[in-house]
Amino acid sequence: TEFFRGEVEGTLVWPPRGTRGFGYDPVFLPDGFEQTFGEMEATEKHGWEAGRGDLGLSHRARAFALFARAKLGAQ
């Protein structure tokens, strides 16, 4: 079994900010940003905006990219 781990560094804030997302999103502030995940648009948080070359802040997308590189030779 192999594991591919995607991470996003940040801090917890109180009180919660924003109503988007679920779980810890309103209290998680990613490093280098002024908005919590609960305040961000989905395209900023998940990085799926057309033409955008990075993976945004999605830990799932980052883990999948590691998997794709390791198993599929994807860039």
PDB file of N, CA and C in Angstrom:
ATOM      1  N   THR A   1       0.839  -1.174   0.000  1.00  0.00           N
ATOM      2  CA  THR A   1       0.000   0.000   0.000  1.00  0.00           C
ATOM      3  C   THR A   1       0.885   1.239   0.000  1.00  0.00           C
ATOM      4  N   GLU A   2       0.543   2.172  -0.835  1.00  0.00           N
ATOM      5  CA  GLU A   2       1.250   3.456  -0.872  1.00  0.00           C
ATOM      6  C   GLU A   2       0.291   4.564  -0.469  1.00  0.00           C
ATOM      7  N   PHE A   3       0.850   5.597   0.110  1.00  0.00           N
ATOM      8  CA  PHE A   3       0.061   6.753   0.507  1.00  0.00           C
ATOM      9  C   PHE A   3       0.627   7.994  -0.160  1.00  0.00           C
ATOM     10  N   PHE A   4      -0.258   8.881  -0.550  1.00  0.00           N
ATOM     11  CA  PHE A   4       0.131  10.154  -1.150  1.00  0.00           C
ATOM     12  C   PHE A   4      -0.558  11.237  -0.338  1.00  0.00           C
ATOM     13  N   ARG A   5       0.250  12.073   0.262  1.00  0.00           N
ATOM     14  CA  ARG A   5      -0.262  13.033   1.236  1.00  0.00           C
ATOM     15  C   ARG A   5      -0.179  14.457   0.700  1.00  0.00           C
ATOM     16  N   GLY A   6      -1.314  15.133   0.687  1.00  0.00           N
ATOM     17  CA  GLY A   6      -1.359  16.547   0.330  1.00  0.00           C
ATOM     18  C   GLY A   6      -1.612  17.364   1.582  1.00  0.00           C
ATOM     19  N   GLU A   7      -0.873  18.434   1.746  1.00  0.00           N
ATOM     20  CA  GLU A   7      -1.004  19.242   2.955  1.00  0.00           C
ATOM     21  C   GLU A   7      -1.206  20.713   2.623  1.00  0.00           C
ATOM     22  N   VAL A   8      -1.884  21.391   3.524  1.00  0.00           N
ATOM     23  CA  VAL A   8      -2.044  22.841   3.462  1.00  0.00           C
ATOM     24  C   VAL A   8      -1.718  23.371   4.855  1.00  0.00           C
ATOM     25  N   GLU A   9      -0.717  24.218   4.947  1.00  0.00           N
ATOM     26  CA  GLU A   9      -0.322  24.799   6.233  1.00  0.00           C
ATOM     27  C   GLU A   9      -1.226  25.983   6.563  1.00  0.00           C
ATOM     28  N   GLY A  10      -1.503  26.169   7.847  1.00  0.00           N
ATOM     29  CA  GLY A  10      -2.326  27.292   8.262  1.00  0.00           C
ATOM     30  C   GLY A  10      -2.528  27.300   9.762  1.00  0.00           C
ATOM     31  N   THR A  11      -3.449  28.154  10.202  1.00  0.00           N
ATOM     32  CA  THR A  11      -3.759  28.275  11.623  1.00  0.00           C
ATOM     33  C   THR A  11      -5.270  28.251  11.820  1.00  0.00           C
ATOM     34  N   LEU A  12      -5.670  27.986  13.049  1.00  0.00           N
ATOM     35  CA  LEU A  12      -7.084  28.038  13.401  1.00  0.00           C
ATOM     36  C   LEU A  12      -7.394  29.415  13.963  1.00  0.00           C
ATOM     37  N   VAL A  13      -8.552  29.951  13.587  1.00  0.00           N
ATOM     38  CA  VAL A  13      -8.978  31.270  14.068  1.00  0.00           C
ATOM     39  C   VAL A  13     -10.309  31.140  14.803  1.00  0.00           C
ATOM     40  N   TRP A  14     -10.557  32.092  15.681  1.00  0.00           N
ATOM     41  CA  TRP A  14     -11.836  32.156  16.387  1.00  0.00           C
ATOM     42  C   TRP A  14     -12.210  33.597  16.535  1.00  0.00           C
ATOM     43  N   PRO A  15     -13.415  33.990  16.280  1.00  0.00           N
ATOM     44  CA  PRO A  15     -14.572  33.164  15.943  1.00  0.00           C
ATOM     45  C   PRO A  15     -14.537  32.709  14.486  1.00  0.00           C
ATOM     46  N   PRO A  16     -15.391  31.739  14.138  1.00  0.00           N
ATOM     47  CA  PRO A  16     -15.465  31.262  12.756  1.00  0.00           C
ATOM     48  C   PRO A  16     -15.804  32.397  11.804  1.00  0.00           C
ATOM     49  N   ARG A  17     -15.258  32.321  10.594  1.00  0.00           N
ATOM     50  CA  ARG A  17     -15.499  33.347   9.576  1.00  0.00           C
ATOM     51  C   ARG A  17     -15.920  32.677   8.277  1.00  0.00           C
ATOM     52  N   GLY A  18     -17.054  33.117   7.759  1.00  0.00           N
ATOM     53  CA  GLY A  18     -17.537  32.609   6.481  1.00  0.00           C
ATOM     54  C   GLY A  18     -18.525  31.470   6.639  1.00  0.00           C
ATOM     55  N   THR A  19     -19.279  31.252   5.567  1.00  0.00           N
ATOM     56  CA  THR A  19     -20.325  30.223   5.582  1.00  0.00           C
ATOM     57  C   THR A  19     -20.144  29.186   4.482  1.00  0.00           C
ATOM     58  N   ARG A  20     -19.072  29.284   3.726  1.00  0.00           N
ATOM     59  CA  ARG A  20     -18.844  28.317   2.648  1.00  0.00           C
ATOM     60  C   ARG A  20     -18.141  27.081   3.200  1.00  0.00           C
ATOM     61  N   GLY A  21     -18.204  26.027   2.424  1.00  0.00           N
ATOM     62  CA  GLY A  21     -17.510  24.804   2.800  1.00  0.00           C
ATOM     63  C   GLY A  21     -18.222  24.071   3.922  1.00  0.00           C
ATOM     64  N   PHE A  22     -17.444  23.297   4.677  1.00  0.00           N
ATOM     65  CA  PHE A  22     -18.010  22.509   5.767  1.00  0.00           C
ATOM     66  C   PHE A  22     -16.908  22.205   6.779  1.00  0.00           C
ATOM     67  N   GLY A  23     -17.290  21.600   7.864  1.00  0.00           N
ATOM     68  CA  GLY A  23     -16.308  21.185   8.864  1.00  0.00           C
ATOM     69  C   GLY A  23     -15.503  22.353   9.412  1.00  0.00           C
ATOM     70  N   TYR A  24     -14.185  22.259   9.265  1.00  0.00           N
ATOM     71  CA  TYR A  24     -13.276  23.265   9.810  1.00  0.00           C
ATOM     72  C   TYR A  24     -13.079  24.474   8.899  1.00  0.00           C
ATOM     73  N   ASP A  25     -13.694  24.498   7.735  1.00  0.00           N
ATOM     74  CA  ASP A  25     -13.447  25.579   6.775  1.00  0.00           C
ATOM     75  C   ASP A  25     -13.571  26.981   7.373  1.00  0.00           C
ATOM     76  N   PRO A  26     -14.610  27.284   8.165  1.00  0.00           N
ATOM     77  CA  PRO A  26     -14.731  28.643   8.707  1.00  0.00           C
ATOM     78  C   PRO A  26     -13.675  29.022   9.747  1.00  0.00           C
ATOM     79  N   VAL A  27     -12.941  28.046  10.279  1.00  0.00           N
ATOM     80  CA  VAL A  27     -11.929  28.373  11.287  1.00  0.00           C
ATOM     81  C   VAL A  27     -10.503  28.109  10.802  1.00  0.00           C
ATOM     82  N   PHE A  28     -10.333  27.664   9.553  1.00  0.00           N
ATOM     83  CA  PHE A  28      -8.988  27.386   9.034  1.00  0.00           C
ATOM     84  C   PHE A  28      -8.520  28.510   8.123  1.00  0.00           C
ATOM     85  N   LEU A  29      -7.416  29.145   8.515  1.00  0.00           N
ATOM     86  CA  LEU A  29      -6.818  30.238   7.752  1.00  0.00           C
ATOM     87  C   LEU A  29      -5.500  29.743   7.151  1.00  0.00           C
ATOM     88  N   PRO A  30      -5.468  29.503   5.828  1.00  0.00           N
ATOM     89  CA  PRO A  30      -4.231  29.012   5.220  1.00  0.00           C
ATOM     90  C   PRO A  30      -3.135  30.071   5.264  1.00  0.00           C
ATOM     91  N   ASP A  31      -1.899  29.617   5.463  1.00  0.00           N
ATOM     92  CA  ASP A  31      -0.751  30.526   5.504  1.00  0.00           C
ATOM     93  C   ASP A  31      -0.694  31.385   4.247  1.00  0.00           C
ATOM     94  N   GLY A  32      -0.461  32.689   4.434  1.00  0.00           N
ATOM     95  CA  GLY A  32      -0.322  33.615   3.319  1.00  0.00           C
ATOM     96  C   GLY A  32      -1.629  34.185   2.801  1.00  0.00           C
ATOM     97  N   PHE A  33      -2.747  33.861   3.446  1.00  0.00           N
ATOM     98  CA  PHE A  33      -4.054  34.346   3.010  1.00  0.00           C
ATOM     99  C   PHE A  33      -4.728  35.119   4.131  1.00  0.00           C
ATOM    100  N   GLU A  34      -5.674  35.976   3.753  1.00  0.00           N
ATOM    101  CA  GLU A  34      -6.420  36.755   4.735  1.00  0.00           C
ATOM    102  C   GLU A  34      -7.824  36.217   4.938  1.00  0.00           C
ATOM    103  N   GLN A  35      -8.238  35.265   4.111  1.00  0.00           N
ATOM    104  CA  GLN A  35      -9.569  34.669   4.213  1.00  0.00           C
ATOM    105  C   GLN A  35      -9.461  33.226   4.689  1.00  0.00           C
ATOM    106  N   THR A  36     -10.428  32.817   5.519  1.00  0.00           N
ATOM    107  CA  THR A  36     -10.519  31.408   5.893  1.00  0.00           C
ATOM    108  C   THR A  36     -11.084  30.636   4.707  1.00  0.00           C
ATOM    109  N   PHE A  37     -10.982  29.312   4.765  1.00  0.00           N
ATOM    110  CA  PHE A  37     -11.595  28.492   3.717  1.00  0.00           C
ATOM    111  C   PHE A  37     -13.097  28.764   3.647  1.00  0.00           C
ATOM    112  N   GLY A  38     -13.715  29.070   4.774  1.00  0.00           N
ATOM    113  CA  GLY A  38     -15.147  29.354   4.807  1.00  0.00           C
ATOM    114  C   GLY A  38     -15.524  30.652   4.118  1.00  0.00           C
ATOM    115  N   GLU A  39     -14.555  31.533   3.883  1.00  0.00           N
ATOM    116  CA  GLU A  39     -14.806  32.806   3.204  1.00  0.00           C
ATOM    117  C   GLU A  39     -14.444  32.754   1.720  1.00  0.00           C
ATOM    118  N   MET A  40     -13.676  31.757   1.306  1.00  0.00           N
ATOM    119  CA  MET A  40     -13.178  31.695  -0.076  1.00  0.00           C
ATOM    120  C   MET A  40     -14.197  31.122  -1.044  1.00  0.00           C
ATOM    121  N   GLU A  41     -14.094  31.607  -2.287  1.00  0.00           N
ATOM    122  CA  GLU A  41     -14.846  30.992  -3.374  1.00  0.00           C
ATOM    123  C   GLU A  41     -14.255  29.610  -3.635  1.00  0.00           C
ATOM    124  N   ALA A  42     -15.063  28.706  -4.145  1.00  0.00           N
ATOM    125  CA  ALA A  42     -14.598  27.343  -4.409  1.00  0.00           C
ATOM    126  C   ALA A  42     -13.418  27.318  -5.369  1.00  0.00           C
ATOM    127  N   THR A  43     -13.416  28.208  -6.378  1.00  0.00           N
ATOM    128  CA  THR A  43     -12.311  28.199  -7.342  1.00  0.00           C
ATOM    129  C   THR A  43     -10.991  28.571  -6.687  1.00  0.00           C
ATOM    130  N   GLU A  44     -11.020  29.453  -5.693  1.00  0.00           N
ATOM    131  CA  GLU A  44      -9.785  29.813  -4.998  1.00  0.00           C
ATOM    132  C   GLU A  44      -9.325  28.681  -4.083  1.00  0.00           C
ATOM    133  N   LYS A  45     -10.259  28.090  -3.378  1.00  0.00           N
ATOM    134  CA  LYS A  45      -9.911  27.022  -2.447  1.00  0.00           C
ATOM    135  C   LYS A  45      -9.467  25.754  -3.176  1.00  0.00           C
ATOM    136  N   HIS A  46     -10.209  25.372  -4.200  1.00  0.00           N
ATOM    137  CA  HIS A  46      -9.948  24.091  -4.863  1.00  0.00           C
ATOM    138  C   HIS A  46      -9.031  24.190  -6.072  1.00  0.00           C
ATOM    139  N   GLY A  47      -8.874  25.376  -6.638  1.00  0.00           N
ATOM    140  CA  GLY A  47      -7.933  25.558  -7.731  1.00  0.00           C
ATOM    141  C   GLY A  47      -8.374  25.010  -9.065  1.00  0.00           C
ATOM    142  N   TRP A  48      -9.669  24.896  -9.301  1.00  0.00           N
ATOM    143  CA  TRP A  48     -10.139  24.304 -10.562  1.00  0.00           C
ATOM    144  C   TRP A  48     -10.495  25.337 -11.611  1.00  0.00           C
ATOM    145  N   GLU A  49     -10.113  26.559 -11.423  1.00  0.00           N
ATOM    146  CA  GLU A  49     -10.434  27.618 -12.374  1.00  0.00           C
ATOM    147  C   GLU A  49      -9.740  27.352 -13.708  1.00  0.00           C
ATOM    148  N   ALA A  50     -10.481  27.465 -14.796  1.00  0.00           N
ATOM    149  CA  ALA A  50      -9.930  27.201 -16.127  1.00  0.00           C
ATOM    150  C   ALA A  50      -8.722  28.078 -16.400  1.00  0.00           C
ATOM    151  N   GLY A  51      -7.677  27.487 -16.939  1.00  0.00           N
ATOM    152  CA  GLY A  51      -6.484  28.228 -17.299  1.00  0.00           C
ATOM    153  C   GLY A  51      -5.513  28.462 -16.159  1.00  0.00           C
ATOM    154  N   ARG A  52      -5.885  28.054 -14.981  1.00  0.00           N
ATOM    155  CA  ARG A  52      -5.013  28.247 -13.820  1.00  0.00           C
ATOM    156  C   ARG A  52      -4.052  27.060 -13.734  1.00  0.00           C
ATOM    157  N   GLY A  53      -2.777  27.338 -13.661  1.00  0.00           N
ATOM    158  CA  GLY A  53      -1.789  26.277 -13.714  1.00  0.00           C
ATOM    159  C   GLY A  53      -1.503  25.569 -12.404  1.00  0.00           C
ATOM    160  N   ASP A  54      -1.883  26.168 -11.271  1.00  0.00           N
ATOM    161  CA  ASP A  54      -1.556  25.523 -10.000  1.00  0.00           C
ATOM    162  C   ASP A  54      -2.731  24.696  -9.485  1.00  0.00           C
ATOM    163  N   LEU A  55      -2.554  24.096  -8.348  1.00  0.00           N
ATOM    164  CA  LEU A  55      -3.583  23.238  -7.773  1.00  0.00           C
ATOM    165  C   LEU A  55      -4.403  23.951  -6.709  1.00  0.00           C
ATOM    166  N   GLY A  56      -4.255  25.254  -6.612  1.00  0.00           N
ATOM    167  CA  GLY A  56      -4.977  25.970  -5.581  1.00  0.00           C
ATOM    168  C   GLY A  56      -4.554  25.491  -4.208  1.00  0.00           C
ATOM    169  N   LEU A  57      -5.470  25.469  -3.284  1.00  0.00           N
ATOM    170  CA  LEU A  57      -5.165  25.091  -1.909  1.00  0.00           C
ATOM    171  C   LEU A  57      -5.695  23.713  -1.544  1.00  0.00           C
ATOM    172  N   SER A  58      -6.179  22.973  -2.504  1.00  0.00           N
ATOM    173  CA  SER A  58      -6.794  21.683  -2.222  1.00  0.00           C
ATOM    174  C   SER A  58      -5.763  20.629  -1.832  1.00  0.00           C
ATOM    175  N   HIS A  59      -5.850  20.137  -0.601  1.00  0.00           N
ATOM    176  CA  HIS A  59      -4.950  19.056  -0.192  1.00  0.00           C
ATOM    177  C   HIS A  59      -5.253  17.785  -0.972  1.00  0.00           C
ATOM    178  N   ARG A  60      -6.495  17.609  -1.384  1.00  0.00           N
ATOM    179  CA  ARG A  60      -6.846  16.429  -2.183  1.00  0.00           C
ATOM    180  C   ARG A  60      -6.211  16.503  -3.569  1.00  0.00           C
ATOM    181  N   ALA A  61      -6.266  17.671  -4.186  1.00  0.00           N
ATOM    182  CA  ALA A  61      -5.644  17.835  -5.505  1.00  0.00           C
ATOM    183  C   ALA A  61      -4.135  17.661  -5.417  1.00  0.00           C
ATOM    184  N   ARG A  62      -3.538  18.137  -4.350  1.00  0.00           N
ATOM    185  CA  ARG A  62      -2.090  17.988  -4.178  1.00  0.00           C
ATOM    186  C   ARG A  62      -1.715  16.515  -4.012  1.00  0.00           C
ATOM    187  N   ALA A  63      -2.492  15.778  -3.237  1.00  0.00           N
ATOM    188  CA  ALA A  63      -2.231  14.348  -3.061  1.00  0.00           C
ATOM    189  C   ALA A  63      -2.433  13.601  -4.375  1.00  0.00           C
ATOM    190  N   PHE A  64      -3.475  13.954  -5.119  1.00  0.00           N
ATOM    191  CA  PHE A  64      -3.713  13.290  -6.398  1.00  0.00           C
ATOM    192  C   PHE A  64      -2.593  13.584  -7.388  1.00  0.00           C
ATOM    193  N   ALA A  65      -2.074  14.801  -7.390  1.00  0.00           N
ATOM    194  CA  ALA A  65      -0.966  15.141  -8.286  1.00  0.00           C
ATOM    195  C   ALA A  65       0.261  14.294  -7.972  1.00  0.00           C
ATOM    196  N   LEU A  66       0.536  14.051  -6.700  1.00  0.00           N
ATOM    197  CA  LEU A  66       1.648  13.181  -6.318  1.00  0.00           C
ATOM    198  C   LEU A  66       1.416  11.760  -6.813  1.00  0.00           C
ATOM    199  N   PHE A  67       0.183  11.276  -6.669  1.00  0.00           N
ATOM    200  CA  PHE A  67      -0.174   9.954  -7.178  1.00  0.00           C
ATOM    201  C   PHE A  67       0.017   9.880  -8.689  1.00  0.00           C
ATOM    202  N   ALA A  68      -0.502  10.877  -9.399  1.00  0.00           N
ATOM    203  CA  ALA A  68      -0.418  10.882 -10.863  1.00  0.00           C
ATOM    204  C   ALA A  68       1.031  10.888 -11.337  1.00  0.00           C
ATOM    205  N   ARG A  69       1.875  11.673 -10.687  1.00  0.00           N
ATOM    206  CA  ARG A  69       3.297  11.695 -11.064  1.00  0.00           C
ATOM    207  C   ARG A  69       3.952  10.342 -10.818  1.00  0.00           C
ATOM    208  N   ALA A  70       3.640   9.741  -9.678  1.00  0.00           N
ATOM    209  CA  ALA A  70       4.276   8.475  -9.308  1.00  0.00           C
ATOM    210  C   ALA A  70       3.787   7.302 -10.149  1.00  0.00           C
ATOM    211  N   LYS A  71       2.512   7.261 -10.443  1.00  0.00           N
ATOM    212  CA  LYS A  71       1.923   6.094 -11.098  1.00  0.00           C
ATOM    213  C   LYS A  71       1.678   6.252 -12.590  1.00  0.00           C
ATOM    214  N   LEU A  72       1.456   7.475 -13.015  1.00  0.00           N
ATOM    215  CA  LEU A  72       1.101   7.693 -14.413  1.00  0.00           C
ATOM    216  C   LEU A  72       2.150   8.483 -15.175  1.00  0.00           C
ATOM    217  N   GLY A  73       3.149   8.960 -14.478  1.00  0.00           N
ATOM    218  CA  GLY A  73       4.175   9.774 -15.122  1.00  0.00           C
ATOM    219  C   GLY A  73       3.676  11.137 -15.550  1.00  0.00           C
ATOM    220  N   ALA A  74       2.544  11.561 -14.985  1.00  0.00           N
ATOM    221  CA  ALA A  74       1.962  12.864 -15.345  1.00  0.00           C
ATOM    222  C   ALA A  74       2.800  13.984 -14.758  1.00  0.00           C
ATOM    223  N   GLN A  75       2.790  15.135 -15.428  1.00  0.00           N
ATOM    224  CA  GLN A  75       3.543  16.296 -14.945  1.00  0.00           C
ATOM    225  C   GLN A  75       2.718  17.111 -14.012  1.00  0.00           C
TER     226      GLN A  75
END
